[in-house]
Amino acid sequence: LSRLARFNATVASLPTDQNGKVKYFEGTPIPTTLVIVAVLAYGVY
């Protein structure tokens, strides 16, 4: 929750490329929690 709130509050100040796309993430993106779900699924299987 804190990571997403920080991103929304600071995205305007982060450096961007010529297309207006943010160049990097501060901290791991929250979708990386897919790795945890994969570990659980492996364990259950």
All heavy atoms as atom14 arrays in JSON, in Angstrom:
{
  "sequence": "LSRLARFNATVASLPTDQNGKVKYFEGTPIPTTLVIVAVLAYGVY",
  "atom14_mask": [
    [1, 1, 1, 1, 1, 1, 1, 1, 0, 0, 0, 0, 0, 0],
    [1, 1, 1, 1, 1, 1, 0, 0, 0, 0, 0, 0, 0, 0],
    [1, 1, 1, 1, 1, 1, 1, 1, 1, 1, 1, 0, 0, 0],
    [1, 1, 1, 1, 1, 1, 1, 1, 0, 0, 0, 0, 0, 0],
    [1, 1, 1, 1, 1, 0, 0, 0, 0, 0, 0, 0, 0, 0],
    [1, 1, 1, 1, 1, 1, 1, 1, 1, 1, 1, 0, 0, 0],
    [1, 1, 1, 1, 1, 1, 1, 1, 1, 1, 1, 0, 0, 0],
    [1, 1, 1, 1, 1, 1, 1, 1, 0, 0, 0, 0, 0, 0],
    [1, 1, 1, 1, 1, 0, 0, 0, 0, 0, 0, 0, 0, 0],
    [1, 1, 1, 1, 1, 1, 1, 0, 0, 0, 0, 0, 0, 0],
    [1, 1, 1, 1, 1, 1, 1, 0, 0, 0, 0, 0, 0, 0],
    [1, 1, 1, 1, 1, 0, 0, 0, 0, 0, 0, 0, 0, 0],
    [1, 1, 1, 1, 1, 1, 0, 0, 0, 0, 0, 0, 0, 0],
    [1, 1, 1, 1, 1, 1, 1, 1, 0, 0, 0, 0, 0, 0],
    [1, 1, 1, 1, 1, 1, 1, 0, 0, 0, 0, 0, 0, 0],
    [1, 1, 1, 1, 1, 1, 1, 0, 0, 0, 0, 0, 0, 0],
    [1, 1, 1, 1, 1, 1, 1, 1, 0, 0, 0, 0, 0, 0],
    [1, 1, 1, 1, 1, 1, 1, 1, 1, 0, 0, 0, 0, 0],
    [1, 1, 1, 1, 1, 1, 1, 1, 0, 0, 0, 0, 0, 0],
    [1, 1, 1, 1, 0, 0, 0, 0, 0, 0, 0, 0, 0, 0],
    [1, 1, 1, 1, 1, 1, 1, 1, 1, 0, 0, 0, 0, 0],
    [1, 1, 1, 1, 1, 1, 1, 0, 0, 0, 0, 0, 0, 0],
    [1, 1, 1, 1, 1, 1, 1, 1, 1, 0, 0, 0, 0, 0],
    [1, 1, 1, 1, 1, 1, 1, 1, 1, 1, 1, 1, 0, 0],
    [1, 1, 1, 1, 1, 1, 1, 1, 1, 1, 1, 0, 0, 0],
    [1, 1, 1, 1, 1, 1, 1, 1, 1, 0, 0, 0, 0, 0],
    [1, 1, 1, 1, 0, 0, 0, 0, 0, 0, 0, 0, 0, 0],
    [1, 1, 1, 1, 1, 1, 1, 0, 0, 0, 0, 0, 0, 0],
    [1, 1, 1, 1, 1, 1, 1, 0, 0, 0, 0, 0, 0, 0],
    [1, 1, 1, 1, 1, 1, 1, 1, 0, 0, 0, 0, 0, 0],
    [1, 1, 1, 1, 1, 1, 1, 0, 0, 0, 0, 0, 0, 0],
    [1, 1, 1, 1, 1, 1, 1, 0, 0, 0, 0, 0, 0, 0],
    [1, 1, 1, 1, 1, 1, 1, 0, 0, 0, 0, 0, 0, 0],
    [1, 1, 1, 1, 1, 1, 1, 1, 0, 0, 0, 0, 0, 0],
    [1, 1, 1, 1, 1, 1, 1, 0, 0, 0, 0, 0, 0, 0],
    [1, 1, 1, 1, 1, 1, 1, 1, 0, 0, 0, 0, 0, 0],
    [1, 1, 1, 1, 1, 1, 1, 0, 0, 0, 0, 0, 0, 0],
    [1, 1, 1, 1, 1, 0, 0, 0, 0, 0, 0, 0, 0, 0],
    [1, 1, 1, 1, 1, 1, 1, 0, 0, 0, 0, 0, 0, 0],
    [1, 1, 1, 1, 1, 1, 1, 1, 0, 0, 0, 0, 0, 0],
    [1, 1, 1, 1, 1, 0, 0, 0, 0, 0, 0, 0, 0, 0],
    [1, 1, 1, 1, 1, 1, 1, 1, 1, 1, 1, 1, 0, 0],
    [1, 1, 1, 1, 0, 0, 0, 0, 0, 0, 0, 0, 0, 0],
    [1, 1, 1, 1, 1, 1, 1, 0, 0, 0, 0, 0, 0, 0],
    [1, 1, 1, 1, 1, 1, 1, 1, 1, 1, 1, 1, 0, 0]
  ],
  "atom14_positions": [
    [[0.83, -1.2, 0.0], [0.0, 0.0, 0.0], [0.87, 1.26, 0.0], [0.62, 2.21, -0.76], [-0.91, -0.02, 1.23], [-1.85, 1.16, 1.43], [-2.81, 1.29, 0.27], [-2.62, 1.01, 2.74], [0.0, 0.0, 0.0], [0.0, 0.0, 0.0], [0.0, 0.0, 0.0], [0.0, 0.0, 0.0], [0.0, 0.0, 0.0], [0.0, 0.0, 0.0]],
    [[1.91, 1.25, 0.82], [2.8, 2.42, 0.91], [3.56, 2.62, -0.39], [3.76, 3.77, -0.83], [3.78, 2.23, 2.06], [3.1, 2.07, 3.29], [0.0, 0.0, 0.0], [0.0, 0.0, 0.0], [0.0, 0.0, 0.0], [0.0, 0.0, 0.0], [0.0, 0.0, 0.0], [0.0, 0.0, 0.0], [0.0, 0.0, 0.0], [0.0, 0.0, 0.0]],
    [[3.97, 1.53, -1.02], [4.73, 1.64, -2.26], [3.89, 2.27, -3.37], [4.36, 3.13, -4.12], [5.22, 0.26, -2.68], [6.25, 0.29, -3.81], [5.75, -0.48, -5.02], [6.75, -0.47, -6.08], [6.84, 0.48, -6.99], [6.01, 1.51, -6.96], [7.76, 0.44, -7.93], [0.0, 0.0, 0.0], [0.0, 0.0, 0.0], [0.0, 0.0, 0.0]],
    [[2.64, 1.86, -3.47], [1.75, 2.42, -4.5], [1.44, 3.89, -4.21], [1.39, 4.71, -5.13], [0.46, 1.6, -4.57], [0.62, 0.18, -5.11], [-0.65, -0.63, -4.9], [0.99, 0.2, -6.59], [0.0, 0.0, 0.0], [0.0, 0.0, 0.0], [0.0, 0.0, 0.0], [0.0, 0.0, 0.0], [0.0, 0.0, 0.0], [0.0, 0.0, 0.0]],
    [[1.24, 4.22, -2.94], [0.97, 5.61, -2.59], [2.18, 6.49, -2.9], [2.04, 7.6, -3.41], [0.6, 5.71, -1.11], [0.0, 0.0, 0.0], [0.0, 0.0, 0.0], [0.0, 0.0, 0.0], [0.0, 0.0, 0.0], [0.0, 0.0, 0.0], [0.0, 0.0, 0.0], [0.0, 0.0, 0.0], [0.0, 0.0, 0.0], [0.0, 0.0, 0.0]],
    [[3.38, 5.99, -2.62], [4.59, 6.76, -2.91], [4.76, 6.97, -4.4], [5.13, 8.07, -4.84], [5.81, 6.03, -2.34], [7.13, 6.8, -2.52], [8.31, 5.98, -2.08], [8.54, 4.84, -2.96], [9.35, 3.82, -2.66], [9.98, 3.81, -1.5], [9.5, 2.82, -3.5], [0.0, 0.0, 0.0], [0.0, 0.0, 0.0], [0.0, 0.0, 0.0]],
    [[4.47, 5.94, -5.18], [4.6, 6.07, -6.63], [3.65, 7.14, -7.16], [4.04, 7.99, -7.97], [4.32, 4.74, -7.31], [4.38, 4.8, -8.81], [5.6, 4.79, -9.46], [3.22, 4.9, -9.57], [5.68, 4.86, -10.85], [3.28, 4.98, -10.95], [4.51, 4.96, -11.6], [0.0, 0.0, 0.0], [0.0, 0.0, 0.0], [0.0, 0.0, 0.0]],
    [[2.41, 7.13, -6.69], [1.45, 8.13, -7.16], [1.87, 9.54, -6.76], [1.62, 10.5, -7.49], [0.05, 7.82, -6.6], [-0.59, 6.62, -7.28], [-0.1, 6.13, -8.28], [-1.68, 6.15, -6.73], [0.0, 0.0, 0.0], [0.0, 0.0, 0.0], [0.0, 0.0, 0.0], [0.0, 0.0, 0.0], [0.0, 0.0, 0.0], [0.0, 0.0, 0.0]],
    [[2.49, 9.66, -5.59], [2.86, 10.99, -5.1], [4.12, 11.52, -5.77], [4.32, 12.74, -5.84], [3.06, 10.94, -3.59], [0.0, 0.0, 0.0], [0.0, 0.0, 0.0], [0.0, 0.0, 0.0], [0.0, 0.0, 0.0], [0.0, 0.0, 0.0], [0.0, 0.0, 0.0], [0.0, 0.0, 0.0], [0.0, 0.0, 0.0], [0.0, 0.0, 0.0]],
    [[4.99, 10.63, -6.27], [6.28, 11.07, -6.79], [6.45, 10.85, -8.29], [7.48, 11.24, -8.84], [7.43, 10.32, -6.06], [7.31, 8.91, -6.31], [7.37, 10.59, -4.58], [0.0, 0.0, 0.0], [0.0, 0.0, 0.0], [0.0, 0.0, 0.0], [0.0, 0.0, 0.0], [0.0, 0.0, 0.0], [0.0, 0.0, 0.0], [0.0, 0.0, 0.0]],
    [[5.45, 10.23, -8.94], [5.63, 9.88, -10.35], [5.9, 11.11, -11.22], [6.65, 11.05, -12.2], [4.39, 9.11, -10.88], [3.15, 9.99, -10.85], [4.63, 8.58, -12.28], [0.0, 0.0, 0.0], [0.0, 0.0, 0.0], [0.0, 0.0, 0.0], [0.0, 0.0, 0.0], [0.0, 0.0, 0.0], [0.0, 0.0, 0.0], [0.0, 0.0, 0.0]],
    [[5.32, 12.25, -10.83], [5.51, 13.47, -11.63], [6.94, 13.98, -11.56], [7.4, 14.69, -12.47], [4.55, 14.55, -11.17], [0.0, 0.0, 0.0], [0.0, 0.0, 0.0], [0.0, 0.0, 0.0], [0.0, 0.0, 0.0], [0.0, 0.0, 0.0], [0.0, 0.0, 0.0], [0.0, 0.0, 0.0], [0.0, 0.0, 0.0], [0.0, 0.0, 0.0]],
    [[7.67, 13.64, -10.5], [9.03, 14.14, -10.33], [10.1, 13.15, -10.78], [11.29, 13.48, -10.78], [9.27, 14.51, -8.86], [9.1, 13.36, -8.03], [0.0, 0.0, 0.0], [0.0, 0.0, 0.0], [0.0, 0.0, 0.0], [0.0, 0.0, 0.0], [0.0, 0.0, 0.0], [0.0, 0.0, 0.0], [0.0, 0.0, 0.0], [0.0, 0.0, 0.0]],
    [[9.7, 11.93, -11.15], [10.67, 10.93, -11.58], [11.13, 11.22, -13.0], [10.36, 11.72, -13.82], [10.06, 9.53, -11.5], [9.73, 9.0, -10.1], [9.03, 7.65, -10.19], [11.0, 8.88, -9.26], [0.0, 0.0, 0.0], [0.0, 0.0, 0.0], [0.0, 0.0, 0.0], [0.0, 0.0, 0.0], [0.0, 0.0, 0.0], [0.0, 0.0, 0.0]],
    [[12.39, 10.91, -13.34], [12.88, 11.16, -14.7], [12.17, 10.28, -15.72], [11.85, 9.12, -15.45], [14.38, 10.8, -14.6], [14.5, 9.9, -13.42], [13.44, 10.35, -12.46], [0.0, 0.0, 0.0], [0.0, 0.0, 0.0], [0.0, 0.0, 0.0], [0.0, 0.0, 0.0], [0.0, 0.0, 0.0], [0.0, 0.0, 0.0], [0.0, 0.0, 0.0]],
    [[11.92, 10.85, -16.89], [11.2, 10.14, -17.95], [12.01, 10.17, -19.25], [12.92, 10.99, -19.41], [9.82, 10.76, -18.19], [9.98, 12.15, -18.55], [8.96, 10.68, -16.94], [0.0, 0.0, 0.0], [0.0, 0.0, 0.0], [0.0, 0.0, 0.0], [0.0, 0.0, 0.0], [0.0, 0.0, 0.0], [0.0, 0.0, 0.0], [0.0, 0.0, 0.0]],
    [[11.63, 9.29, -20.19], [12.28, 9.29, -21.5], [11.54, 10.25, -22.44], [10.65, 11.0, -22.01], [12.34, 7.87, -22.08], [10.95, 7.24, -22.21], [9.94, 7.98, -22.18], [10.87, 6.01, -22.34], [0.0, 0.0, 0.0], [0.0, 0.0, 0.0], [0.0, 0.0, 0.0], [0.0, 0.0, 0.0], [0.0, 0.0, 0.0], [0.0, 0.0, 0.0]],
    [[11.89, 10.22, -23.72], [11.28, 11.15, -24.67], [9.8, 10.9, -24.88], [9.06, 11.78, -25.36], [12.0, 11.09, -26.03], [11.89, 9.74, -26.74], [12.98, 8.77, -26.33], [13.64, 8.98, -25.3], [13.2, 7.75, -27.14], [0.0, 0.0, 0.0], [0.0, 0.0, 0.0], [0.0, 0.0, 0.0], [0.0, 0.0, 0.0], [0.0, 0.0, 0.0]],
    [[9.33, 9.7, -24.52], [7.9, 9.38, -24.65], [7.11, 9.67, -23.38], [5.92, 9.36, -23.3], [7.74, 7.9, -25.03], [8.36, 7.58, -26.37], [8.26, 8.38, -27.3], [8.98, 6.41, -26.47], [0.0, 0.0, 0.0], [0.0, 0.0, 0.0], [0.0, 0.0, 0.0], [0.0, 0.0, 0.0], [0.0, 0.0, 0.0], [0.0, 0.0, 0.0]],
    [[7.76, 10.24, -22.38], [7.09, 10.54, -21.13], [6.95, 9.35, -20.2], [6.21, 9.39, -19.23], [0.0, 0.0, 0.0], [0.0, 0.0, 0.0], [0.0, 0.0, 0.0], [0.0, 0.0, 0.0], [0.0, 0.0, 0.0], [0.0, 0.0, 0.0], [0.0, 0.0, 0.0], [0.0, 0.0, 0.0], [0.0, 0.0, 0.0], [0.0, 0.0, 0.0]],
    [[7.7, 8.29, -20.47], [7.63, 7.07, -19.68], [8.68, 7.11, -18.58], [9.84, 7.46, -18.82], [7.85, 5.86, -20.6], [7.67, 4.53, -19.93], [7.89, 3.42, -20.96], [7.8, 2.05, -20.35], [8.05, 0.97, -21.34], [0.0, 0.0, 0.0], [0.0, 0.0, 0.0], [0.0, 0.0, 0.0], [0.0, 0.0, 0.0], [0.0, 0.0, 0.0]],
    [[8.28, 6.74, -17.36], [9.22, 6.73, -16.23], [10.34, 5.74, -16.51], [10.11, 4.62, -16.98], [8.48, 6.36, -14.92], [9.46, 6.23, -13.77], [7.43, 7.41, -14.6], [0.0, 0.0, 0.0], [0.0, 0.0, 0.0], [0.0, 0.0, 0.0], [0.0, 0.0, 0.0], [0.0, 0.0, 0.0], [0.0, 0.0, 0.0], [0.0, 0.0, 0.0]],
    [[11.59, 6.16, -16.22], [12.75, 5.35, -16.58], [12.97, 4.17, -15.63], [13.48, 3.12, -16.05], [14.01, 6.21, -16.6], [14.05, 7.23, -17.74], [15.36, 7.98, -17.74], [15.46, 8.94, -18.91], [16.73, 9.68, -18.94], [0.0, 0.0, 0.0], [0.0, 0.0, 0.0], [0.0, 0.0, 0.0], [0.0, 0.0, 0.0], [0.0, 0.0, 0.0]],
    [[12.63, 4.32, -14.37], [12.92, 3.24, -13.42], [11.88, 3.22, -12.3], [11.16, 4.19, -12.06], [14.32, 3.39, -12.82], [14.56, 4.7, -12.11], [14.11, 4.92, -10.81], [15.26, 5.73, -12.73], [14.34, 6.11, -10.15], [15.49, 6.93, -12.09], [15.04, 7.11, -10.8], [15.25, 8.31, -10.16], [0.0, 0.0, 0.0], [0.0, 0.0, 0.0]],
    [[11.82, 2.07, -11.63], [10.99, 1.91, -10.44], [11.85, 2.14, -9.21], [13.01, 1.72, -9.15], [10.41, 0.5, -10.36], [9.42, 0.16, -11.43], [9.75, -0.71, -12.45], [8.14, 0.69, -11.42], [8.84, -1.05, -13.44], [7.22, 0.37, -12.4], [7.57, -0.5, -13.41], [0.0, 0.0, 0.0], [0.0, 0.0, 0.0], [0.0, 0.0, 0.0]],
    [[11.29, 2.79, -8.21], [11.93, 2.86, -6.9], [11.39, 1.7, -6.07], [10.23, 1.69, -5.66], [11.64, 4.19, -6.21], [12.38, 5.36, -6.81], [12.18, 6.63, -6.0], [11.22, 6.68, -5.21], [12.97, 7.57, -6.17], [0.0, 0.0, 0.0], [0.0, 0.0, 0.0], [0.0, 0.0, 0.0], [0.0, 0.0, 0.0], [0.0, 0.0, 0.0]],
    [[12.24, 0.72, -5.8], [11.77, -0.5, -5.15], [11.18, -1.45, -6.18], [10.9, -1.06, -7.31], [0.0, 0.0, 0.0], [0.0, 0.0, 0.0], [0.0, 0.0, 0.0], [0.0, 0.0, 0.0], [0.0, 0.0, 0.0], [0.0, 0.0, 0.0], [0.0, 0.0, 0.0], [0.0, 0.0, 0.0], [0.0, 0.0, 0.0], [0.0, 0.0, 0.0]],
    [[10.99, -2.68, -5.79], [10.44, -3.66, -6.72], [8.97, -3.35, -7.0], [8.23, -2.96, -6.1], [10.54, -5.08, -6.14], [9.94, -5.12, -4.84], [11.99, -5.52, -6.04], [0.0, 0.0, 0.0], [0.0, 0.0, 0.0], [0.0, 0.0, 0.0], [0.0, 0.0, 0.0], [0.0, 0.0, 0.0], [0.0, 0.0, 0.0], [0.0, 0.0, 0.0]],
    [[8.54, -3.49, -8.25], [7.12, -3.27, -8.58], [6.25, -4.3, -7.84], [6.67, -5.45, -7.65], [7.06, -3.47, -10.09], [8.48, -3.38, -10.56], [9.33, -3.84, -9.44], [0.0, 0.0, 0.0], [0.0, 0.0, 0.0], [0.0, 0.0, 0.0], [0.0, 0.0, 0.0], [0.0, 0.0, 0.0], [0.0, 0.0, 0.0], [0.0, 0.0, 0.0]],
    [[5.07, -3.89, -7.46], [4.21, -4.78, -6.69], [3.78, -6.03, -7.46], [3.56, -7.08, -6.83], [3.0, -4.0, -6.13], [2.28, -4.81, -5.05], [2.04, -3.61, -7.24], [1.24, -4.03, -4.28], [0.0, 0.0, 0.0], [0.0, 0.0, 0.0], [0.0, 0.0, 0.0], [0.0, 0.0, 0.0], [0.0, 0.0, 0.0], [0.0, 0.0, 0.0]],
    [[3.7, -6.03, -8.81], [3.36, -7.3, -9.48], [4.41, -8.39, -9.32], [4.13, -9.56, -9.64], [3.22, -6.88, -10.95], [2.86, -5.43, -10.91], [3.65, -4.9, -9.76], [0.0, 0.0, 0.0], [0.0, 0.0, 0.0], [0.0, 0.0, 0.0], [0.0, 0.0, 0.0], [0.0, 0.0, 0.0], [0.0, 0.0, 0.0], [0.0, 0.0, 0.0]],
    [[5.62, -8.06, -8.8], [6.62, -9.1, -8.58], [6.2, -10.07, -7.49], [6.83, -11.12, -7.32], [7.98, -8.47, -8.19], [7.81, -7.63, -7.04], [8.54, -7.65, -9.33], [0.0, 0.0, 0.0], [0.0, 0.0, 0.0], [0.0, 0.0, 0.0], [0.0, 0.0, 0.0], [0.0, 0.0, 0.0], [0.0, 0.0, 0.0], [0.0, 0.0, 0.0]],
    [[5.12, -9.76, -6.78], [4.61, -10.72, -5.78], [4.07, -11.98, -6.46], [3.74, -12.94, -5.77], [3.51, -10.08, -4.93], [2.46, -9.59, -5.77], [4.06, -8.91, -4.13], [0.0, 0.0, 0.0], [0.0, 0.0, 0.0], [0.0, 0.0, 0.0], [0.0, 0.0, 0.0], [0.0, 0.0, 0.0], [0.0, 0.0, 0.0], [0.0, 0.0, 0.0]],
    [[4.01, -11.97, -7.79], [3.67, -13.19, -8.53], [4.65, -14.3, -8.18], [4.28, -15.48, -8.19], [3.7, -12.9, -10.03], [3.5, -14.1, -10.97], [2.1, -14.67, -10.8], [3.73, -13.68, -12.42], [0.0, 0.0, 0.0], [0.0, 0.0, 0.0], [0.0, 0.0, 0.0], [0.0, 0.0, 0.0], [0.0, 0.0, 0.0], [0.0, 0.0, 0.0]],
    [[5.89, -13.97, -7.86], [6.89, -14.97, -7.49], [6.44, -15.72, -6.23], [6.55, -16.95, -6.13], [8.27, -14.32, -7.27], [9.28, -15.34, -6.77], [8.75, -13.66, -8.56], [0.0, 0.0, 0.0], [0.0, 0.0, 0.0], [0.0, 0.0, 0.0], [0.0, 0.0, 0.0], [0.0, 0.0, 0.0], [0.0, 0.0, 0.0], [0.0, 0.0, 0.0]],
    [[5.92, -14.99, -5.25], [5.43, -15.62, -4.02], [4.29, -16.57, -4.33], [4.23, -17.7, -3.83], [4.98, -14.55, -3.02], [6.17, -13.73, -2.54], [4.26, -15.17, -1.84], [5.81, -12.61, -1.59], [0.0, 0.0, 0.0], [0.0, 0.0, 0.0], [0.0, 0.0, 0.0], [0.0, 0.0, 0.0], [0.0, 0.0, 0.0], [0.0, 0.0, 0.0]],
    [[3.36, -16.12, -5.17], [2.22, -16.96, -5.53], [2.7, -18.22, -6.24], [2.16, -19.32, -6.02], [1.23, -16.17, -6.41], [0.09, -17.06, -6.88], [0.69, -14.97, -5.63], [0.0, 0.0, 0.0], [0.0, 0.0, 0.0], [0.0, 0.0, 0.0], [0.0, 0.0, 0.0], [0.0, 0.0, 0.0], [0.0, 0.0, 0.0], [0.0, 0.0, 0.0]],
    [[3.72, -18.09, -7.08], [4.27, -19.27, -7.78], [4.86, -20.27, -6.79], [4.7, -21.48, -6.96], [5.32, -18.82, -8.79], [0.0, 0.0, 0.0], [0.0, 0.0, 0.0], [0.0, 0.0, 0.0], [0.0, 0.0, 0.0], [0.0, 0.0, 0.0], [0.0, 0.0, 0.0], [0.0, 0.0, 0.0], [0.0, 0.0, 0.0], [0.0, 0.0, 0.0]],
    [[5.53, -19.77, -5.76], [6.09, -20.66, -4.73], [4.97, -21.4, -4.0], [5.06, -22.62, -3.76], [6.95, -19.85, -3.73], [7.36, -20.72, -2.55], [8.18, -19.28, -4.43], [0.0, 0.0, 0.0], [0.0, 0.0, 0.0], [0.0, 0.0, 0.0], [0.0, 0.0, 0.0], [0.0, 0.0, 0.0], [0.0, 0.0, 0.0], [0.0, 0.0, 0.0]],
    [[3.91, -20.69, -3.65], [2.78, -21.34, -2.97], [2.12, -22.38, -3.87], [1.79, -23.48, -3.4], [1.76, -20.27, -2.55], [2.21, -19.22, -1.55], [1.07, -18.23, -1.28], [2.68, -19.85, -0.25], [0.0, 0.0, 0.0], [0.0, 0.0, 0.0], [0.0, 0.0, 0.0], [0.0, 0.0, 0.0], [0.0, 0.0, 0.0], [0.0, 0.0, 0.0]],
    [[1.92, -22.03, -5.13], [1.29, -22.97, -6.06], [2.14, -24.22, -6.22], [1.62, -25.35, -6.26], [1.05, -22.29, -7.41], [0.0, 0.0, 0.0], [0.0, 0.0, 0.0], [0.0, 0.0, 0.0], [0.0, 0.0, 0.0], [0.0, 0.0, 0.0], [0.0, 0.0, 0.0], [0.0, 0.0, 0.0], [0.0, 0.0, 0.0], [0.0, 0.0, 0.0]],
    [[3.45, -24.04, -6.3], [4.37, -25.19, -6.4], [4.23, -26.07, -5.16], [4.17, -27.31, -5.26], [5.8, -24.68, -6.55], [6.85, -25.77, -6.52], [7.24, -26.41, -7.7], [7.46, -26.14, -5.32], [8.21, -27.4, -7.68], [8.43, -27.13, -5.29], [8.8, -27.77, -6.46], [9.75, -28.75, -6.43], [0.0, 0.0, 0.0], [0.0, 0.0, 0.0]],
    [[4.19, -25.44, -4.01], [4.08, -26.2, -2.77], [2.79, -26.99, -2.66], [2.78, -28.14, -2.24], [0.0, 0.0, 0.0], [0.0, 0.0, 0.0], [0.0, 0.0, 0.0], [0.0, 0.0, 0.0], [0.0, 0.0, 0.0], [0.0, 0.0, 0.0], [0.0, 0.0, 0.0], [0.0, 0.0, 0.0], [0.0, 0.0, 0.0], [0.0, 0.0, 0.0]],
    [[1.69, -26.37, -3.05], [0.4, -27.08, -3.0], [0.37, -28.22, -4.01], [-0.1, -29.33, -3.71], [-0.76, -26.09, -3.25], [-2.09, -26.84, -3.36], [-0.83, -25.05, -2.14], [0.0, 0.0, 0.0], [0.0, 0.0, 0.0], [0.0, 0.0, 0.0], [0.0, 0.0, 0.0], [0.0, 0.0, 0.0], [0.0, 0.0, 0.0], [0.0, 0.0, 0.0]],
    [[0.9, -27.98, -5.2], [0.88, -28.99, -6.26], [1.68, -30.23, -5.86], [1.27, -31.37, -6.15], [1.44, -28.41, -7.55], [1.37, -29.34, -8.73], [0.19, -29.5, -9.44], [2.5, -30.07, -9.14], [0.11, -30.36, -10.53], [2.44, -30.93, -10.22], [1.25, -31.07, -10.91], [1.18, -31.94, -11.97], [0.0, 0.0, 0.0], [0.0, 0.0, 0.0]]
  ]
}
